[in-house]
C-alpha cells in the first residue's frame, strides 16, 4: 500500500539565499510532500518593506512550478 504524502508547511527566508529557493521548488515538485503553505520569513533589517521581498520571491518560485 502506498504511503500518503507528508503534509508540510514551509517557513523560509527565500529572498536571502539560493538554497531556500531550491528547497521550496524541490518541495513543491516532490511526490512525497503535500505542501500546505509557504510562510515567507523576514530577513535583514527591520522596516516596512522587509516582509515584501521574501513574499515576492516565494510567489515567483510558485508561479514557475505551475
PDB file of N, CA and C in Angstrom:
ATOM      1  N   UNK A   1       0.835  -1.171   0.000  1.00  0.00           N
ATOM      2  CA  UNK A   1       0.000   0.000   0.000  1.00  0.00           C
ATOM      3  C   UNK A   1       0.889   1.246   0.000  1.00  0.00           C
ATOM      4  N   UNK A   2       0.639   2.208  -0.920  1.00  0.00           N
ATOM      5  CA  UNK A   2       1.467   3.419  -0.971  1.00  0.00           C
ATOM      6  C   UNK A   2       1.268   4.307   0.261  1.00  0.00           C
ATOM      7  N   UNK A   3       2.329   4.946   0.661  1.00  0.00           N
ATOM      8  CA  UNK A   3       2.295   5.867   1.794  1.00  0.00           C
ATOM      9  C   UNK A   3       1.805   7.225   1.284  1.00  0.00           C
ATOM     10  N   UNK A   4       0.829   7.853   1.963  1.00  0.00           N
ATOM     11  CA  UNK A   4       0.357   9.169   1.516  1.00  0.00           C
ATOM     12  C   UNK A   4       1.439  10.230   1.710  1.00  0.00           C
ATOM     13  N   UNK A   5       1.410  11.291   0.900  1.00  0.00           N
ATOM     14  CA  UNK A   5       2.405  12.359   1.057  1.00  0.00           C
ATOM     15  C   UNK A   5       2.325  13.010   2.439  1.00  0.00           C
ATOM     16  N   UNK A   6       3.461  13.456   2.919  1.00  0.00           N
ATOM     17  CA  UNK A   6       3.540  14.156   4.200  1.00  0.00           C
ATOM     18  C   UNK A   6       3.051  15.589   4.010  1.00  0.00           C
ATOM     19  N   UNK A   7       2.148  16.027   4.854  1.00  0.00           N
ATOM     20  CA  UNK A   7       1.669  17.401   4.820  1.00  0.00           C
ATOM     21  C   UNK A   7       2.694  18.288   5.522  1.00  0.00           C
ATOM     22  N   UNK A   8       3.119  19.357   4.844  1.00  0.00           N
ATOM     23  CA  UNK A   8       4.146  20.238   5.411  1.00  0.00           C
ATOM     24  C   UNK A   8       3.793  21.706   5.194  1.00  0.00           C
ATOM     25  N   UNK A   9       4.285  22.527   6.105  1.00  0.00           N
ATOM     26  CA  UNK A   9       4.319  23.979   5.956  1.00  0.00           C
ATOM     27  C   UNK A   9       5.785  24.356   5.839  1.00  0.00           C
ATOM     28  N   UNK A  10       6.091  25.253   4.950  1.00  0.00           N
ATOM     29  CA  UNK A  10       7.477  25.685   4.763  1.00  0.00           C
ATOM     30  C   UNK A  10       7.608  27.120   5.258  1.00  0.00           C
ATOM     31  N   UNK A  11       8.541  27.342   6.166  1.00  0.00           N
ATOM     32  CA  UNK A  11       8.884  28.685   6.618  1.00  0.00           C
ATOM     33  C   UNK A  11      10.261  28.999   6.055  1.00  0.00           C
ATOM     34  N   UNK A  12      10.358  30.060   5.269  1.00  0.00           N
ATOM     35  CA  UNK A  12      11.607  30.323   4.562  1.00  0.00           C
ATOM     36  C   UNK A  12      11.892  31.805   4.411  1.00  0.00           C
ATOM     37  N   UNK A  13      13.158  32.149   4.409  1.00  0.00           N
ATOM     38  CA  UNK A  13      13.595  33.499   4.046  1.00  0.00           C
ATOM     39  C   UNK A  13      14.134  33.429   2.619  1.00  0.00           C
ATOM     40  N   UNK A  14      13.261  33.070   1.685  1.00  0.00           N
ATOM     41  CA  UNK A  14      13.642  32.751   0.310  1.00  0.00           C
ATOM     42  C   UNK A  14      14.332  33.889  -0.427  1.00  0.00           C
ATOM     43  N   UNK A  15      14.176  35.099   0.024  1.00  0.00           N
ATOM     44  CA  UNK A  15      14.837  36.216  -0.654  1.00  0.00           C
ATOM     45  C   UNK A  15      16.292  36.374  -0.220  1.00  0.00           C
ATOM     46  N   UNK A  16      16.740  35.570   0.738  1.00  0.00           N
ATOM     47  CA  UNK A  16      18.082  35.725   1.290  1.00  0.00           C
ATOM     48  C   UNK A  16      19.129  34.913   0.535  1.00  0.00           C
ATOM     49  N   UNK A  17      18.958  33.612   0.418  1.00  0.00           N
ATOM     50  CA  UNK A  17      19.974  32.750  -0.193  1.00  0.00           C
ATOM     51  C   UNK A  17      19.315  31.766  -1.139  1.00  0.00           C
ATOM     52  N   UNK A  18      20.045  31.347  -2.151  1.00  0.00           N
ATOM     53  CA  UNK A  18      19.500  30.492  -3.202  1.00  0.00           C
ATOM     54  C   UNK A  18      19.135  29.096  -2.699  1.00  0.00           C
ATOM     55  N   UNK A  19      19.732  28.616  -1.615  1.00  0.00           N
ATOM     56  CA  UNK A  19      19.400  27.272  -1.132  1.00  0.00           C
ATOM     57  C   UNK A  19      17.944  27.183  -0.680  1.00  0.00           C
ATOM     58  N   UNK A  20      17.406  28.254  -0.133  1.00  0.00           N
ATOM     59  CA  UNK A  20      15.993  28.249   0.263  1.00  0.00           C
ATOM     60  C   UNK A  20      15.086  28.189  -0.967  1.00  0.00           C
ATOM     61  N   UNK A  21      15.447  28.913  -2.008  1.00  0.00           N
ATOM     62  CA  UNK A  21      14.670  28.885  -3.240  1.00  0.00           C
ATOM     63  C   UNK A  21      14.655  27.477  -3.836  1.00  0.00           C
ATOM     64  N   UNK A  22      15.807  26.831  -3.842  1.00  0.00           N
ATOM     65  CA  UNK A  22      15.901  25.467  -4.342  1.00  0.00           C
ATOM     66  C   UNK A  22      15.031  24.529  -3.508  1.00  0.00           C
ATOM     67  N   UNK A  23      15.083  24.677  -2.194  1.00  0.00           N
ATOM     68  CA  UNK A  23      14.307  23.807  -1.304  1.00  0.00           C
ATOM     69  C   UNK A  23      12.805  23.983  -1.509  1.00  0.00           C
ATOM     70  N   UNK A  24      12.354  25.212  -1.729  1.00  0.00           N
ATOM     71  CA  UNK A  24      10.928  25.460  -1.961  1.00  0.00           C
ATOM     72  C   UNK A  24      10.473  24.768  -3.245  1.00  0.00           C
ATOM     73  N   UNK A  25      11.211  24.954  -4.323  1.00  0.00           N
ATOM     74  CA  UNK A  25      10.843  24.322  -5.593  1.00  0.00           C
ATOM     75  C   UNK A  25      10.895  22.802  -5.472  1.00  0.00           C
ATOM     76  N   UNK A  26      11.921  22.283  -4.817  1.00  0.00           N
ATOM     77  CA  UNK A  26      12.043  20.831  -4.628  1.00  0.00           C
ATOM     78  C   UNK A  26      10.831  20.289  -3.866  1.00  0.00           C
ATOM     79  N   UNK A  27      10.433  20.976  -2.816  1.00  0.00           N
ATOM     80  CA  UNK A  27       9.282  20.533  -2.019  1.00  0.00           C
ATOM     81  C   UNK A  27       7.991  20.580  -2.840  1.00  0.00           C
ATOM     82  N   UNK A  28       7.807  21.642  -3.634  1.00  0.00           N
ATOM     83  CA  UNK A  28       6.603  21.765  -4.446  1.00  0.00           C
ATOM     84  C   UNK A  28       6.499  20.671  -5.503  1.00  0.00           C
ATOM     85  N   UNK A  29       7.627  20.221  -6.008  1.00  0.00           N
ATOM     86  CA  UNK A  29       7.634  19.206  -7.059  1.00  0.00           C
ATOM     87  C   UNK A  29       7.748  17.779  -6.523  1.00  0.00           C
ATOM     88  N   UNK A  30       7.964  17.633  -5.235  1.00  0.00           N
ATOM     89  CA  UNK A  30       8.172  16.313  -4.640  1.00  0.00           C
ATOM     90  C   UNK A  30       6.867  15.515  -4.544  1.00  0.00           C
ATOM     91  N   UNK A  31       6.891  14.257  -4.976  1.00  0.00           N
ATOM     92  CA  UNK A  31       5.698  13.417  -4.854  1.00  0.00           C
ATOM     93  C   UNK A  31       5.442  12.937  -3.421  1.00  0.00           C
ATOM     94  N   UNK A  32       6.414  13.076  -2.529  1.00  0.00           N
ATOM     95  CA  UNK A  32       6.241  12.596  -1.160  1.00  0.00           C
ATOM     96  C   UNK A  32       5.856  13.701  -0.179  1.00  0.00           C
ATOM     97  N   UNK A  33       5.754  14.947  -0.681  1.00  0.00           N
ATOM     98  CA  UNK A  33       5.358  16.064   0.167  1.00  0.00           C
ATOM     99  C   UNK A  33       4.089  16.704  -0.372  1.00  0.00           C
ATOM    100  N   UNK A  34       3.208  17.076   0.537  1.00  0.00           N
ATOM    101  CA  UNK A  34       1.994  17.813   0.213  1.00  0.00           C
ATOM    102  C   UNK A  34       2.146  19.177   0.873  1.00  0.00           C
ATOM    103  N   UNK A  35       2.664  20.151   0.128  1.00  0.00           N
ATOM    104  CA  UNK A  35       2.929  21.475   0.681  1.00  0.00           C
ATOM    105  C   UNK A  35       1.599  22.185   0.891  1.00  0.00           C
ATOM    106  N   UNK A  36       1.282  22.446   2.145  1.00  0.00           N
ATOM    107  CA  UNK A  36       0.003  23.064   2.519  1.00  0.00           C
ATOM    108  C   UNK A  36       0.111  24.580   2.602  1.00  0.00           C
ATOM    109  N   UNK A  37       1.324  25.086   2.702  1.00  0.00           N
ATOM    110  CA  UNK A  37       1.511  26.530   2.767  1.00  0.00           C
ATOM    111  C   UNK A  37       2.976  26.889   2.811  1.00  0.00           C
ATOM    112  N   UNK A  38       3.267  28.114   2.380  1.00  0.00           N
ATOM    113  CA  UNK A  38       4.631  28.639   2.427  1.00  0.00           C
ATOM    114  C   UNK A  38       4.565  29.960   3.182  1.00  0.00           C
ATOM    115  N   UNK A  39       5.344  30.036   4.243  1.00  0.00           N
ATOM    116  CA  UNK A  39       5.358  31.221   5.097  1.00  0.00           C
ATOM    117  C   UNK A  39       6.657  31.980   4.852  1.00  0.00           C
ATOM    118  N   UNK A  40       6.601  33.119   4.155  1.00  0.00           N
ATOM    119  CA  UNK A  40       7.821  33.885   3.917  1.00  0.00           C
ATOM    120  C   UNK A  40       8.294  34.552   5.203  1.00  0.00           C
ATOM    121  N   UNK A  41       9.506  34.275   5.585  1.00  0.00           N
ATOM    122  CA  UNK A  41      10.065  34.815   6.825  1.00  0.00           C
ATOM    123  C   UNK A  41      10.853  36.084   6.537  1.00  0.00           C
ATOM    124  N   UNK A  42      10.887  36.942   7.516  1.00  0.00           N
ATOM    125  CA  UNK A  42      11.648  38.188   7.442  1.00  0.00           C
ATOM    126  C   UNK A  42      13.139  37.888   7.515  1.00  0.00           C
ATOM    127  N   UNK A  43      13.930  38.619   6.745  1.00  0.00           N
ATOM    128  CA  UNK A  43      15.382  38.550   6.863  1.00  0.00           C
ATOM    129  C   UNK A  43      15.927  39.953   6.668  1.00  0.00           C
ATOM    130  N   UNK A  44      16.871  40.335   7.482  1.00  0.00           N
ATOM    131  CA  UNK A  44      17.520  41.626   7.307  1.00  0.00           C
ATOM    132  C   UNK A  44      17.075  42.644   8.331  1.00  0.00           C
ATOM    133  N   UNK A  45      17.253  43.893   7.968  1.00  0.00           N
ATOM    134  CA  UNK A  45      16.924  44.980   8.902  1.00  0.00           C
ATOM    135  C   UNK A  45      15.409  45.115   9.057  1.00  0.00           C
ATOM    136  N   UNK A  46      14.996  45.706  10.124  1.00  0.00           N
ATOM    137  CA  UNK A  46      13.571  45.923  10.360  1.00  0.00           C
ATOM    138  C   UNK A  46      13.115  47.142   9.567  1.00  0.00           C
ATOM    139  N   UNK A  47      12.039  46.981   8.890  1.00  0.00           N
ATOM    140  CA  UNK A  47      11.493  48.080   8.107  1.00  0.00           C
ATOM    141  C   UNK A  47      10.178  47.659   7.482  1.00  0.00           C
ATOM    142  N   UNK A  48       9.474  48.610   6.949  1.00  0.00           N
ATOM    143  CA  UNK A  48       8.146  48.342   6.424  1.00  0.00           C
ATOM    144  C   UNK A  48       8.157  47.374   5.244  1.00  0.00           C
ATOM    145  N   UNK A  49       9.139  47.463   4.354  1.00  0.00           N
ATOM    146  CA  UNK A  49       9.162  46.657   3.137  1.00  0.00           C
ATOM    147  C   UNK A  49       9.884  45.321   3.297  1.00  0.00           C
ATOM    148  N   UNK A  50      10.451  45.042   4.468  1.00  0.00           N
ATOM    149  CA  UNK A  50      11.253  43.826   4.641  1.00  0.00           C
ATOM    150  C   UNK A  50      10.456  42.551   4.426  1.00  0.00           C
ATOM    151  N   UNK A  51       9.176  42.533   4.756  1.00  0.00           N
ATOM    152  CA  UNK A  51       8.365  41.334   4.578  1.00  0.00           C
ATOM    153  C   UNK A  51       7.920  41.113   3.151  1.00  0.00           C
ATOM    154  N   UNK A  52       7.973  42.137   2.322  1.00  0.00           N
ATOM    155  CA  UNK A  52       7.512  42.021   0.949  1.00  0.00           C
ATOM    156  C   UNK A  52       8.498  41.275   0.058  1.00  0.00           C
ATOM    157  N   UNK A  53       9.771  41.452   0.252  1.00  0.00           N
ATOM    158  CA  UNK A  53      10.769  40.813  -0.609  1.00  0.00           C
ATOM    159  C   UNK A  53      10.726  39.294  -0.506  1.00  0.00           C
ATOM    160  N   UNK A  54      10.723  38.696   0.705  1.00  0.00           N
ATOM    161  CA  UNK A  54      10.605  37.236   0.778  1.00  0.00           C
ATOM    162  C   UNK A  54       9.283  36.750   0.172  1.00  0.00           C
ATOM    163  N   UNK A  55       8.212  37.470   0.386  1.00  0.00           N
ATOM    164  CA  UNK A  55       6.915  37.072  -0.182  1.00  0.00           C
ATOM    165  C   UNK A  55       6.963  37.100  -1.705  1.00  0.00           C
ATOM    166  N   UNK A  56       7.555  38.125  -2.282  1.00  0.00           N
ATOM    167  CA  UNK A  56       7.686  38.216  -3.734  1.00  0.00           C
ATOM    168  C   UNK A  56       8.499  37.043  -4.283  1.00  0.00           C
ATOM    169  N   UNK A  57       9.551  36.664  -3.575  1.00  0.00           N
ATOM    170  CA  UNK A  57      10.396  35.550  -4.017  1.00  0.00           C
ATOM    171  C   UNK A  57       9.626  34.236  -3.965  1.00  0.00           C
ATOM    172  N   UNK A  58       8.872  34.005  -2.905  1.00  0.00           N
ATOM    173  CA  UNK A  58       8.060  32.791  -2.787  1.00  0.00           C
ATOM    174  C   UNK A  58       7.024  32.751  -3.906  1.00  0.00           C
ATOM    175  N   UNK A  59       6.354  33.862  -4.152  1.00  0.00           N
ATOM    176  CA  UNK A  59       5.361  33.912  -5.226  1.00  0.00           C
ATOM    177  C   UNK A  59       5.995  33.623  -6.582  1.00  0.00           C
ATOM    178  N   UNK A  60       7.176  34.148  -6.821  1.00  0.00           N
ATOM    179  CA  UNK A  60       7.872  33.923  -8.076  1.00  0.00           C
ATOM    180  C   UNK A  60       8.197  32.443  -8.288  1.00  0.00           C
ATOM    181  N   UNK A  61       8.697  31.768  -7.240  1.00  0.00           N
ATOM    182  CA  UNK A  61       9.028  30.333  -7.354  1.00  0.00           C
ATOM    183  C   UNK A  61       7.756  29.511  -7.570  1.00  0.00           C
ATOM    184  N   UNK A  62       6.691  29.890  -6.898  1.00  0.00           N
ATOM    185  CA  UNK A  62       5.441  29.144  -7.029  1.00  0.00           C
ATOM    186  C   UNK A  62       4.895  29.260  -8.455  1.00  0.00           C
ATOM    187  N   UNK A  63       4.938  30.452  -9.038  1.00  0.00           N
ATOM    188  CA  UNK A  63       4.453  30.628 -10.431  1.00  0.00           C
ATOM    189  C   UNK A  63       5.262  29.773 -11.397  1.00  0.00           C
ATOM    190  N   UNK A  64       6.548  29.613 -11.162  1.00  0.00           N
ATOM    191  CA  UNK A  64       7.399  28.867 -12.079  1.00  0.00           C
ATOM    192  C   UNK A  64       7.207  27.362 -11.989  1.00  0.00           C
ATOM    193  N   UNK A  65       6.573  26.869 -10.938  1.00  0.00           N
ATOM    194  CA  UNK A  65       6.367  25.423 -10.805  1.00  0.00           C
ATOM    195  C   UNK A  65       5.017  24.988 -11.343  1.00  0.00           C
ATOM    196  N   UNK A  66       4.198  25.903 -11.739  1.00  0.00           N
ATOM    197  CA  UNK A  66       2.863  25.543 -12.260  1.00  0.00           C
ATOM    198  C   UNK A  66       2.951  25.019 -13.668  1.00  0.00           C
TER     199      UNK A  66
END
